[in-house]
Amino acid sequence: MRQHISRRSSRPPWKWFAAAAAGGVPVGLLWWLLAPGGMNLITRNPALADGTNPEVWLLRDLTLAGLCVFAGCLVAVFLTDKGGRDAQAAFLLGLAGGLGGALIAWLTGVLAGQLWGGPADTSVNASVAFSLRSLPVLILWPAATATSVFVLSLINLLKSGPGSAGTPVAEGNAPGA
């Protein structure tokens, strides 16, 4: 009689990278739909519908920033439930996928602006076209993921108490007991 020995794969869980990176497409489309200078569905203010208004530029960047933070927190919720041997690899691949997702979101939003937005005269300033002026916005997705995983893991650890998370507890009486 043969015994079937199940071996855990030592391959990294690439699905976390792929899922986070693929999330950039809907985030980019949402950015173009919601942001001033795009479809402007948040404010619907006609004064903010045109990229020639400099007030639009910051709001456009902040819209993508908010979407990236939300996406990073969402990835963290799924990563926090991931346990076992592959948890660290899943976390690192989730961070890399988040950075890739932010880049894809940026490029998707810019492409949507070129395809479905009106023609923009960028001779005055390149920011007239639907674009991102503040590139550090792109690190908010992985930063939100890392911060949220830390906070959620800390909350889970505090809820479960010492010793139940696999950490050794010193034997004996607690000080002052």
N, C-alpha and C. Protein backbone atom coordinates (compact mmCIF):
# COMPACT_ATOMS: atom_id res chain seq x y z
N MET A 1 0.84 -1.17 0.00
CA MET A 1 0.00 0.00 0.00
C MET A 1 0.89 1.24 0.00
N ARG A 2 0.60 2.11 -0.89
CA ARG A 2 1.37 3.35 -0.98
C ARG A 2 0.81 4.41 -0.06
N GLN A 3 1.70 5.10 0.57
CA GLN A 3 1.26 6.24 1.36
C GLN A 3 1.54 7.49 0.56
N HIS A 4 0.55 8.32 0.55
CA HIS A 4 0.70 9.58 -0.18
C HIS A 4 1.20 10.64 0.81
N ILE A 5 2.36 11.11 0.54
CA ILE A 5 2.94 12.15 1.40
C ILE A 5 2.72 13.48 0.71
N SER A 6 2.00 14.33 1.37
CA SER A 6 1.75 15.64 0.75
C SER A 6 2.91 16.58 1.08
N ARG A 7 3.40 17.15 0.06
CA ARG A 7 4.49 18.12 0.23
C ARG A 7 3.95 19.51 -0.03
N ARG A 8 4.30 20.40 0.81
CA ARG A 8 3.93 21.79 0.58
C ARG A 8 4.90 22.36 -0.43
N SER A 9 4.35 23.08 -1.32
CA SER A 9 5.17 23.68 -2.36
C SER A 9 6.05 24.76 -1.75
N SER A 10 7.29 24.78 -2.18
CA SER A 10 8.19 25.81 -1.68
C SER A 10 8.21 27.02 -2.61
N ARG A 11 7.32 27.01 -3.58
CA ARG A 11 7.23 28.15 -4.49
C ARG A 11 6.56 29.31 -3.78
N PRO A 12 6.98 30.53 -4.10
CA PRO A 12 6.33 31.70 -3.49
C PRO A 12 4.89 31.83 -3.97
N PRO A 13 4.02 32.36 -3.14
CA PRO A 13 2.61 32.52 -3.51
C PRO A 13 2.41 33.73 -4.44
N TRP A 14 2.68 33.53 -5.72
CA TRP A 14 2.63 34.61 -6.70
C TRP A 14 1.24 35.18 -6.89
N LYS A 15 0.23 34.48 -6.42
CA LYS A 15 -1.14 34.98 -6.59
C LYS A 15 -1.33 36.32 -5.87
N TRP A 16 -0.58 36.53 -4.79
CA TRP A 16 -0.70 37.80 -4.06
C TRP A 16 -0.14 38.95 -4.89
N PHE A 17 0.95 38.70 -5.57
CA PHE A 17 1.51 39.72 -6.46
C PHE A 17 0.54 40.01 -7.59
N ALA A 18 0.06 38.95 -8.23
CA ALA A 18 -0.83 39.12 -9.38
C ALA A 18 -2.14 39.81 -9.00
N ALA A 19 -2.71 39.43 -7.87
CA ALA A 19 -3.98 40.04 -7.46
C ALA A 19 -3.81 41.53 -7.15
N ALA A 20 -2.75 41.87 -6.44
CA ALA A 20 -2.53 43.28 -6.11
C ALA A 20 -2.22 44.10 -7.36
N ALA A 21 -1.40 43.56 -8.24
CA ALA A 21 -1.06 44.29 -9.47
C ALA A 21 -2.27 44.44 -10.37
N ALA A 22 -3.07 43.39 -10.48
CA ALA A 22 -4.27 43.46 -11.32
C ALA A 22 -5.29 44.44 -10.77
N GLY A 23 -5.25 44.67 -9.47
CA GLY A 23 -6.14 45.66 -8.87
C GLY A 23 -5.88 47.07 -9.35
N GLY A 24 -4.74 47.29 -9.99
CA GLY A 24 -4.42 48.62 -10.51
C GLY A 24 -5.34 49.07 -11.63
N VAL A 25 -5.87 48.12 -12.40
CA VAL A 25 -6.74 48.49 -13.52
C VAL A 25 -8.04 49.13 -13.01
N PRO A 26 -8.79 48.49 -12.10
CA PRO A 26 -9.99 49.17 -11.62
C PRO A 26 -9.70 50.44 -10.83
N VAL A 27 -8.58 50.46 -10.11
CA VAL A 27 -8.23 51.68 -9.37
C VAL A 27 -7.96 52.82 -10.35
N GLY A 28 -7.25 52.54 -11.44
CA GLY A 28 -6.99 53.57 -12.44
C GLY A 28 -8.25 54.07 -13.12
N LEU A 29 -9.15 53.15 -13.42
CA LEU A 29 -10.42 53.56 -14.03
C LEU A 29 -11.26 54.39 -13.06
N LEU A 30 -11.28 53.97 -11.78
CA LEU A 30 -11.98 54.76 -10.77
C LEU A 30 -11.36 56.14 -10.61
N TRP A 31 -10.05 56.21 -10.68
CA TRP A 31 -9.37 57.50 -10.58
C TRP A 31 -9.85 58.44 -11.68
N TRP A 32 -9.90 57.94 -12.90
CA TRP A 32 -10.32 58.79 -14.00
C TRP A 32 -11.81 59.17 -13.87
N LEU A 33 -12.62 58.23 -13.41
CA LEU A 33 -14.05 58.51 -13.26
C LEU A 33 -14.34 59.52 -12.15
N LEU A 34 -13.62 59.43 -11.04
CA LEU A 34 -13.93 60.23 -9.87
C LEU A 34 -13.20 61.56 -9.81
N ALA A 35 -12.00 61.64 -10.35
CA ALA A 35 -11.13 62.79 -10.14
C ALA A 35 -11.54 64.01 -10.95
N PRO A 36 -11.33 65.20 -10.38
CA PRO A 36 -11.47 66.42 -11.16
C PRO A 36 -10.48 66.41 -12.32
N GLY A 37 -10.93 66.85 -13.45
CA GLY A 37 -10.10 66.80 -14.65
C GLY A 37 -10.38 65.55 -15.46
N GLY A 38 -10.99 64.54 -14.82
CA GLY A 38 -11.44 63.33 -15.51
C GLY A 38 -12.94 63.47 -15.73
N MET A 39 -13.69 62.43 -15.34
CA MET A 39 -15.15 62.52 -15.43
C MET A 39 -15.72 63.37 -14.29
N ASN A 40 -14.95 63.56 -13.23
CA ASN A 40 -15.31 64.47 -12.14
C ASN A 40 -16.62 64.07 -11.46
N LEU A 41 -16.80 62.78 -11.18
CA LEU A 41 -18.03 62.31 -10.56
C LEU A 41 -18.13 62.63 -9.08
N ILE A 42 -17.04 62.99 -8.44
CA ILE A 42 -17.10 63.33 -7.01
C ILE A 42 -17.72 64.71 -6.82
N THR A 43 -17.14 65.72 -7.43
CA THR A 43 -17.62 67.08 -7.20
C THR A 43 -18.69 67.51 -8.20
N ARG A 44 -18.60 67.06 -9.41
CA ARG A 44 -19.49 67.47 -10.50
C ARG A 44 -19.51 68.99 -10.68
N ASN A 45 -18.48 69.64 -10.17
CA ASN A 45 -18.34 71.09 -10.31
C ASN A 45 -17.77 71.39 -11.68
N PRO A 46 -18.47 72.13 -12.52
CA PRO A 46 -17.97 72.41 -13.87
C PRO A 46 -16.64 73.17 -13.87
N ALA A 47 -16.38 73.94 -12.82
CA ALA A 47 -15.12 74.68 -12.75
C ALA A 47 -13.93 73.73 -12.56
N LEU A 48 -14.18 72.53 -12.03
CA LEU A 48 -13.11 71.56 -11.80
C LEU A 48 -13.06 70.48 -12.87
N ALA A 49 -13.85 70.62 -13.90
CA ALA A 49 -13.89 69.60 -14.95
C ALA A 49 -12.76 69.76 -15.95
N ASP A 50 -12.14 70.91 -16.00
CA ASP A 50 -11.13 71.17 -17.01
C ASP A 50 -9.74 71.20 -16.37
N GLY A 51 -8.79 70.57 -17.02
CA GLY A 51 -7.43 70.51 -16.51
C GLY A 51 -6.68 71.82 -16.59
N THR A 52 -7.25 72.83 -17.26
CA THR A 52 -6.58 74.13 -17.34
C THR A 52 -6.69 74.89 -16.02
N ASN A 53 -7.58 74.48 -15.15
CA ASN A 53 -7.72 75.08 -13.83
C ASN A 53 -6.68 74.45 -12.90
N PRO A 54 -5.70 75.23 -12.42
CA PRO A 54 -4.65 74.64 -11.55
C PRO A 54 -5.16 74.04 -10.25
N GLU A 55 -6.35 74.43 -9.80
CA GLU A 55 -6.91 73.86 -8.58
C GLU A 55 -7.24 72.37 -8.76
N VAL A 56 -7.40 71.94 -9.98
CA VAL A 56 -7.73 70.55 -10.29
C VAL A 56 -6.55 69.63 -10.02
N TRP A 57 -5.35 70.09 -10.21
CA TRP A 57 -4.18 69.24 -10.19
C TRP A 57 -3.97 68.56 -8.85
N LEU A 58 -4.06 69.30 -7.76
CA LEU A 58 -3.89 68.71 -6.44
C LEU A 58 -5.02 67.74 -6.12
N LEU A 59 -6.24 68.13 -6.44
CA LEU A 59 -7.39 67.26 -6.17
C LEU A 59 -7.31 65.96 -6.96
N ARG A 60 -6.80 66.05 -8.17
CA ARG A 60 -6.62 64.85 -9.00
C ARG A 60 -5.61 63.90 -8.35
N ASP A 61 -4.50 64.45 -7.87
CA ASP A 61 -3.49 63.63 -7.19
C ASP A 61 -4.03 63.05 -5.88
N LEU A 62 -4.80 63.84 -5.14
CA LEU A 62 -5.34 63.36 -3.87
C LEU A 62 -6.38 62.26 -4.08
N THR A 63 -7.09 62.30 -5.20
CA THR A 63 -8.05 61.25 -5.50
C THR A 63 -7.32 59.92 -5.70
N LEU A 64 -6.25 59.93 -6.48
CA LEU A 64 -5.48 58.71 -6.66
C LEU A 64 -4.85 58.27 -5.35
N ALA A 65 -4.40 59.21 -4.54
CA ALA A 65 -3.80 58.87 -3.24
C ALA A 65 -4.82 58.15 -2.36
N GLY A 66 -6.02 58.65 -2.29
CA GLY A 66 -7.06 58.01 -1.49
C GLY A 66 -7.40 56.62 -1.98
N LEU A 67 -7.48 56.47 -3.30
CA LEU A 67 -7.77 55.15 -3.87
C LEU A 67 -6.64 54.17 -3.60
N CYS A 68 -5.40 54.63 -3.66
CA CYS A 68 -4.25 53.76 -3.38
C CYS A 68 -4.22 53.34 -1.91
N VAL A 69 -4.53 54.25 -1.02
CA VAL A 69 -4.57 53.91 0.41
C VAL A 69 -5.68 52.89 0.67
N PHE A 70 -6.84 53.11 0.06
CA PHE A 70 -7.94 52.15 0.22
C PHE A 70 -7.55 50.78 -0.31
N ALA A 71 -6.94 50.74 -1.49
CA ALA A 71 -6.53 49.46 -2.08
C ALA A 71 -5.48 48.77 -1.21
N GLY A 72 -4.54 49.54 -0.66
CA GLY A 72 -3.53 48.97 0.22
C GLY A 72 -4.12 48.38 1.48
N CYS A 73 -5.11 49.06 2.05
CA CYS A 73 -5.77 48.54 3.25
C CYS A 73 -6.56 47.27 2.92
N LEU A 74 -7.18 47.24 1.74
CA LEU A 74 -7.93 46.06 1.33
C LEU A 74 -7.01 44.85 1.15
N VAL A 75 -5.87 45.06 0.53
CA VAL A 75 -4.89 43.98 0.38
C VAL A 75 -4.44 43.49 1.75
N ALA A 76 -4.24 44.42 2.67
CA ALA A 76 -3.78 44.05 4.02
C ALA A 76 -4.79 43.18 4.75
N VAL A 77 -6.07 43.44 4.56
CA VAL A 77 -7.10 42.63 5.22
C VAL A 77 -6.97 41.18 4.76
N PHE A 78 -6.74 40.97 3.48
CA PHE A 78 -6.60 39.60 2.98
C PHE A 78 -5.27 38.98 3.41
N LEU A 79 -4.22 39.79 3.46
CA LEU A 79 -2.91 39.26 3.86
C LEU A 79 -2.85 38.90 5.34
N THR A 80 -3.58 39.62 6.16
CA THR A 80 -3.54 39.37 7.59
C THR A 80 -4.15 38.01 7.92
N ASP A 81 -5.12 37.58 7.14
CA ASP A 81 -5.72 36.26 7.36
C ASP A 81 -4.83 35.14 6.88
N LYS A 82 -3.78 35.46 6.13
CA LYS A 82 -2.87 34.47 5.58
C LYS A 82 -1.92 34.04 6.69
N GLY A 83 -1.94 32.78 6.99
CA GLY A 83 -1.04 32.28 8.03
C GLY A 83 -0.15 31.20 7.46
N GLY A 84 0.64 30.63 8.30
CA GLY A 84 1.47 29.51 7.89
C GLY A 84 2.83 29.94 7.40
N ARG A 85 3.44 28.99 6.70
CA ARG A 85 4.82 29.16 6.28
C ARG A 85 5.00 30.24 5.21
N ASP A 86 3.99 30.39 4.37
CA ASP A 86 4.11 31.32 3.24
C ASP A 86 3.68 32.75 3.58
N ALA A 87 3.39 33.04 4.83
CA ALA A 87 2.86 34.35 5.18
C ALA A 87 3.84 35.48 4.85
N GLN A 88 5.11 35.29 5.14
CA GLN A 88 6.09 36.34 4.86
C GLN A 88 6.27 36.54 3.36
N ALA A 89 6.33 35.46 2.61
CA ALA A 89 6.46 35.58 1.16
C ALA A 89 5.22 36.24 0.56
N ALA A 90 4.03 35.87 1.08
CA ALA A 90 2.79 36.50 0.60
C ALA A 90 2.80 37.99 0.90
N PHE A 91 3.28 38.36 2.08
CA PHE A 91 3.36 39.77 2.46
C PHE A 91 4.28 40.54 1.52
N LEU A 92 5.47 40.01 1.29
CA LEU A 92 6.43 40.70 0.42
C LEU A 92 5.93 40.78 -1.03
N LEU A 93 5.32 39.71 -1.50
CA LEU A 93 4.77 39.75 -2.85
C LEU A 93 3.55 40.67 -2.93
N GLY A 94 2.79 40.75 -1.86
CA GLY A 94 1.68 41.70 -1.81
C GLY A 94 2.16 43.14 -1.86
N LEU A 95 3.28 43.43 -1.18
CA LEU A 95 3.87 44.78 -1.25
C LEU A 95 4.36 45.10 -2.65
N ALA A 96 5.07 44.16 -3.26
CA ALA A 96 5.56 44.38 -4.63
C ALA A 96 4.40 44.51 -5.60
N GLY A 97 3.37 43.69 -5.41
CA GLY A 97 2.19 43.80 -6.25
C GLY A 97 1.47 45.12 -6.06
N GLY A 98 1.49 45.64 -4.83
CA GLY A 98 0.88 46.95 -4.57
C GLY A 98 1.60 48.07 -5.30
N LEU A 99 2.92 47.98 -5.33
CA LEU A 99 3.67 48.99 -6.09
C LEU A 99 3.37 48.86 -7.57
N GLY A 100 3.33 47.62 -8.05
CA GLY A 100 2.96 47.40 -9.45
C GLY A 100 1.53 47.85 -9.73
N GLY A 101 0.63 47.59 -8.79
CA GLY A 101 -0.76 48.02 -8.94
C GLY A 101 -0.89 49.54 -9.00
N ALA A 102 -0.11 50.24 -8.19
CA ALA A 102 -0.14 51.70 -8.22
C ALA A 102 0.37 52.23 -9.56
N LEU A 103 1.43 51.63 -10.08
CA LEU A 103 1.93 52.03 -11.40
C LEU A 103 0.90 51.74 -12.49
N ILE A 104 0.27 50.58 -12.42
CA ILE A 104 -0.75 50.23 -13.40
C ILE A 104 -1.96 51.17 -13.28
N ALA A 105 -2.32 51.53 -12.06
CA ALA A 105 -3.44 52.46 -11.86
C ALA A 105 -3.13 53.81 -12.49
N TRP A 106 -1.92 54.29 -12.28
CA TRP A 106 -1.51 55.57 -12.86
C TRP A 106 -1.60 55.51 -14.39
N LEU A 107 -1.02 54.47 -14.97
CA LEU A 107 -1.00 54.35 -16.42
C LEU A 107 -2.41 54.12 -16.98
N THR A 108 -3.23 53.37 -16.26
CA THR A 108 -4.60 53.14 -16.71
C THR A 108 -5.41 54.43 -16.70
N GLY A 109 -5.25 55.21 -15.64
CA GLY A 109 -5.96 56.49 -15.56
C GLY A 109 -5.53 57.46 -16.64
N VAL A 110 -4.23 57.53 -16.89
CA VAL A 110 -3.73 58.41 -17.94
C VAL A 110 -4.24 57.94 -19.31
N LEU A 111 -4.23 56.63 -19.54
CA LEU A 111 -4.74 56.09 -20.79
C LEU A 111 -6.23 56.37 -20.95
N ALA A 112 -7.00 56.22 -19.88
CA ALA A 112 -8.43 56.53 -19.92
C ALA A 112 -8.64 58.00 -20.25
N GLY A 113 -7.82 58.88 -19.67
CA GLY A 113 -7.92 60.30 -19.99
C GLY A 113 -7.63 60.59 -21.45
N GLN A 114 -6.67 59.87 -22.02
CA GLN A 114 -6.34 60.07 -23.43
C GLN A 114 -7.42 59.52 -24.34
N LEU A 115 -8.01 58.38 -23.96
CA LEU A 115 -9.01 57.75 -24.81
C LEU A 115 -10.38 58.42 -24.72
N TRP A 116 -10.82 58.71 -23.52
CA TRP A 116 -12.19 59.17 -23.33
C TRP A 116 -12.28 60.63 -22.94
N GLY A 117 -11.18 61.26 -22.59
CA GLY A 117 -11.21 62.67 -22.24
C GLY A 117 -11.13 63.54 -23.49
N GLY A 118 -11.44 64.78 -23.31
CA GLY A 118 -11.34 65.70 -24.43
C GLY A 118 -9.89 66.02 -24.74
N PRO A 119 -9.65 66.58 -25.91
CA PRO A 119 -8.27 66.96 -26.24
C PRO A 119 -7.78 68.06 -25.29
N ALA A 120 -6.53 67.95 -24.90
CA ALA A 120 -5.95 68.91 -23.95
C ALA A 120 -4.77 69.60 -24.60
N ASP A 121 -4.75 70.91 -24.50
CA ASP A 121 -3.62 71.70 -25.01
C ASP A 121 -2.58 71.79 -23.91
N THR A 122 -1.53 70.99 -24.03
CA THR A 122 -0.50 70.94 -22.99
C THR A 122 0.65 71.90 -23.26
N SER A 123 0.46 72.85 -24.17
CA SER A 123 1.54 73.80 -24.47
C SER A 123 1.80 74.73 -23.29
N VAL A 124 0.78 75.02 -22.52
CA VAL A 124 0.94 75.89 -21.34
C VAL A 124 1.60 75.13 -20.20
N ASN A 125 1.07 73.92 -19.92
CA ASN A 125 1.58 73.08 -18.84
C ASN A 125 1.17 71.63 -19.12
N ALA A 126 2.06 70.70 -18.88
CA ALA A 126 1.77 69.30 -19.14
C ALA A 126 0.67 68.76 -18.24
N SER A 127 0.43 69.40 -17.10
CA SER A 127 -0.59 68.94 -16.16
C SER A 127 -2.01 69.27 -16.61
N VAL A 128 -2.15 69.97 -17.71
CA VAL A 128 -3.48 70.22 -18.24
C VAL A 128 -4.13 68.90 -18.64
N ALA A 129 -3.36 68.01 -19.22
CA ALA A 129 -3.86 66.67 -19.55
C ALA A 129 -4.02 65.88 -18.26
N PHE A 130 -4.88 64.87 -18.29
CA PHE A 130 -5.10 64.03 -17.11
C PHE A 130 -3.81 63.31 -16.78
N SER A 131 -3.22 63.64 -15.65
CA SER A 131 -1.90 63.11 -15.29
C SER A 131 -1.73 63.13 -13.78
N LEU A 132 -0.59 62.67 -13.36
CA LEU A 132 -0.22 62.67 -11.94
C LEU A 132 0.99 63.57 -11.78
N ARG A 133 0.88 64.58 -10.95
CA ARG A 133 1.99 65.50 -10.74
C ARG A 133 2.91 65.03 -9.62
N SER A 134 2.37 64.33 -8.66
CA SER A 134 3.13 63.93 -7.47
C SER A 134 3.37 62.42 -7.49
N LEU A 135 4.52 62.02 -8.01
CA LEU A 135 4.83 60.59 -8.13
C LEU A 135 4.93 59.84 -6.80
N PRO A 136 5.29 60.50 -5.67
CA PRO A 136 5.30 59.77 -4.41
C PRO A 136 3.94 59.20 -4.00
N VAL A 137 2.86 59.63 -4.64
CA VAL A 137 1.54 59.04 -4.40
C VAL A 137 1.58 57.54 -4.66
N LEU A 138 2.45 57.12 -5.57
CA LEU A 138 2.50 55.71 -5.97
C LEU A 138 3.00 54.79 -4.86
N ILE A 139 3.71 55.31 -3.89
CA ILE A 139 4.18 54.44 -2.79
C ILE A 139 3.16 54.31 -1.67
N LEU A 140 2.03 55.03 -1.79
CA LEU A 140 1.02 54.95 -0.74
C LEU A 140 0.34 53.59 -0.68
N TRP A 141 0.20 52.92 -1.81
CA TRP A 141 -0.45 51.60 -1.81
C TRP A 141 0.37 50.61 -0.98
N PRO A 142 1.66 50.39 -1.30
CA PRO A 142 2.41 49.45 -0.46
C PRO A 142 2.61 49.96 0.96
N ALA A 143 2.70 51.26 1.15
CA ALA A 143 2.85 51.79 2.51
C ALA A 143 1.59 51.53 3.33
N ALA A 144 0.43 51.71 2.73
CA ALA A 144 -0.83 51.43 3.43
C ALA A 144 -0.96 49.94 3.73
N THR A 145 -0.50 49.11 2.80
CA THR A 145 -0.54 47.67 3.04
C THR A 145 0.33 47.30 4.22
N ALA A 146 1.56 47.78 4.24
CA ALA A 146 2.48 47.44 5.33
C ALA A 146 1.97 47.95 6.67
N THR A 147 1.51 49.18 6.70
CA THR A 147 1.02 49.76 7.94
C THR A 147 -0.22 49.02 8.44
N SER A 148 -1.13 48.70 7.53
CA SER A 148 -2.35 48.02 7.92
C SER A 148 -2.10 46.59 8.38
N VAL A 149 -1.18 45.90 7.74
CA VAL A 149 -0.83 44.55 8.19
C VAL A 149 -0.25 44.62 9.60
N PHE A 150 0.59 45.60 9.85
CA PHE A 150 1.16 45.76 11.19
C PHE A 150 0.06 46.00 12.22
N VAL A 151 -0.83 46.94 11.94
CA VAL A 151 -1.88 47.29 12.89
C VAL A 151 -2.83 46.12 13.11
N LEU A 152 -3.25 45.46 12.03
CA LEU A 152 -4.17 44.33 12.17
C LEU A 152 -3.52 43.15 12.90
N SER A 153 -2.25 42.91 12.63
CA SER A 153 -1.54 41.84 13.33
C SER A 153 -1.39 42.17 14.81
N LEU A 154 -1.12 43.42 15.11
CA LEU A 154 -1.00 43.84 16.51
C LEU A 154 -2.33 43.70 17.23
N ILE A 155 -3.41 44.09 16.57
CA ILE A 155 -4.74 43.95 17.19
C ILE A 155 -5.05 42.48 17.43
N ASN A 156 -4.77 41.63 16.45
CA ASN A 156 -5.01 40.19 16.62
C ASN A 156 -4.18 39.63 17.76
N LEU A 157 -2.94 40.07 17.88
CA LEU A 157 -2.07 39.60 18.95
C LEU A 157 -2.60 40.05 20.31
N LEU A 158 -3.04 41.30 20.39
CA LEU A 158 -3.56 41.81 21.66
C LEU A 158 -4.87 41.12 22.06
N LYS A 159 -5.69 40.79 21.08
CA LYS A 159 -6.95 40.09 21.37
C LYS A 159 -6.71 38.68 21.88
N SER A 160 -5.74 37.98 21.28
CA SER A 160 -5.52 36.59 21.63
C SER A 160 -4.75 36.42 22.93
N GLY A 161 -4.06 37.45 23.35
CA GLY A 161 -3.33 37.37 24.60
C GLY A 161 -1.97 36.72 24.42
N PRO A 162 -1.13 36.80 25.45
CA PRO A 162 0.20 36.21 25.35
C PRO A 162 0.13 34.69 25.34
N GLY A 163 1.02 34.10 24.57
CA GLY A 163 1.13 32.65 24.55
C GLY A 163 0.28 31.96 23.51
N SER A 164 -0.79 32.56 23.06
CA SER A 164 -1.65 31.88 22.10
C SER A 164 -1.22 32.13 20.66
N ALA A 165 -0.33 33.05 20.43
CA ALA A 165 0.12 33.34 19.07
C ALA A 165 1.39 32.58 18.73
N GLY A 166 1.74 31.62 19.55
CA GLY A 166 2.93 30.83 19.25
C GLY A 166 4.19 31.40 19.86
N THR A 167 4.06 32.45 20.66
CA THR A 167 5.24 33.02 21.30
C THR A 167 5.39 32.38 22.68
N PRO A 168 6.60 32.04 23.06
CA PRO A 168 6.79 31.41 24.36
C PRO A 168 6.52 32.39 25.50
N VAL A 169 5.94 31.87 26.54
CA VAL A 169 5.64 32.67 27.72
C VAL A 169 6.52 32.17 28.86
N ALA A 170 7.15 33.09 29.57
CA ALA A 170 7.98 32.68 30.71
C ALA A 170 7.11 32.09 31.79
N GLU A 171 7.59 31.02 32.39
CA GLU A 171 6.82 30.38 33.45
C GLU A 171 7.09 31.07 34.76
N GLY A 172 6.16 30.95 35.64
CA GLY A 172 6.32 31.57 36.95
C GLY A 172 5.28 32.63 37.15
N ASN A 173 5.41 33.32 38.25
CA ASN A 173 4.44 34.36 38.58
C ASN A 173 4.81 35.66 37.90
N ALA A 174 3.78 36.39 37.59
CA ALA A 174 3.98 37.72 37.01
C ALA A 174 4.47 38.65 38.11
N PRO A 175 5.23 39.66 37.78
CA PRO A 175 5.70 40.60 38.80
C PRO A 175 4.52 41.27 39.48
N GLY A 176 4.59 41.33 40.75
CA GLY A 176 3.56 42.01 41.53
C GLY A 176 2.32 41.15 41.78
N ALA A 177 2.38 39.86 41.41
CA ALA A 177 1.20 39.01 41.60
C ALA A 177 1.32 38.21 42.86
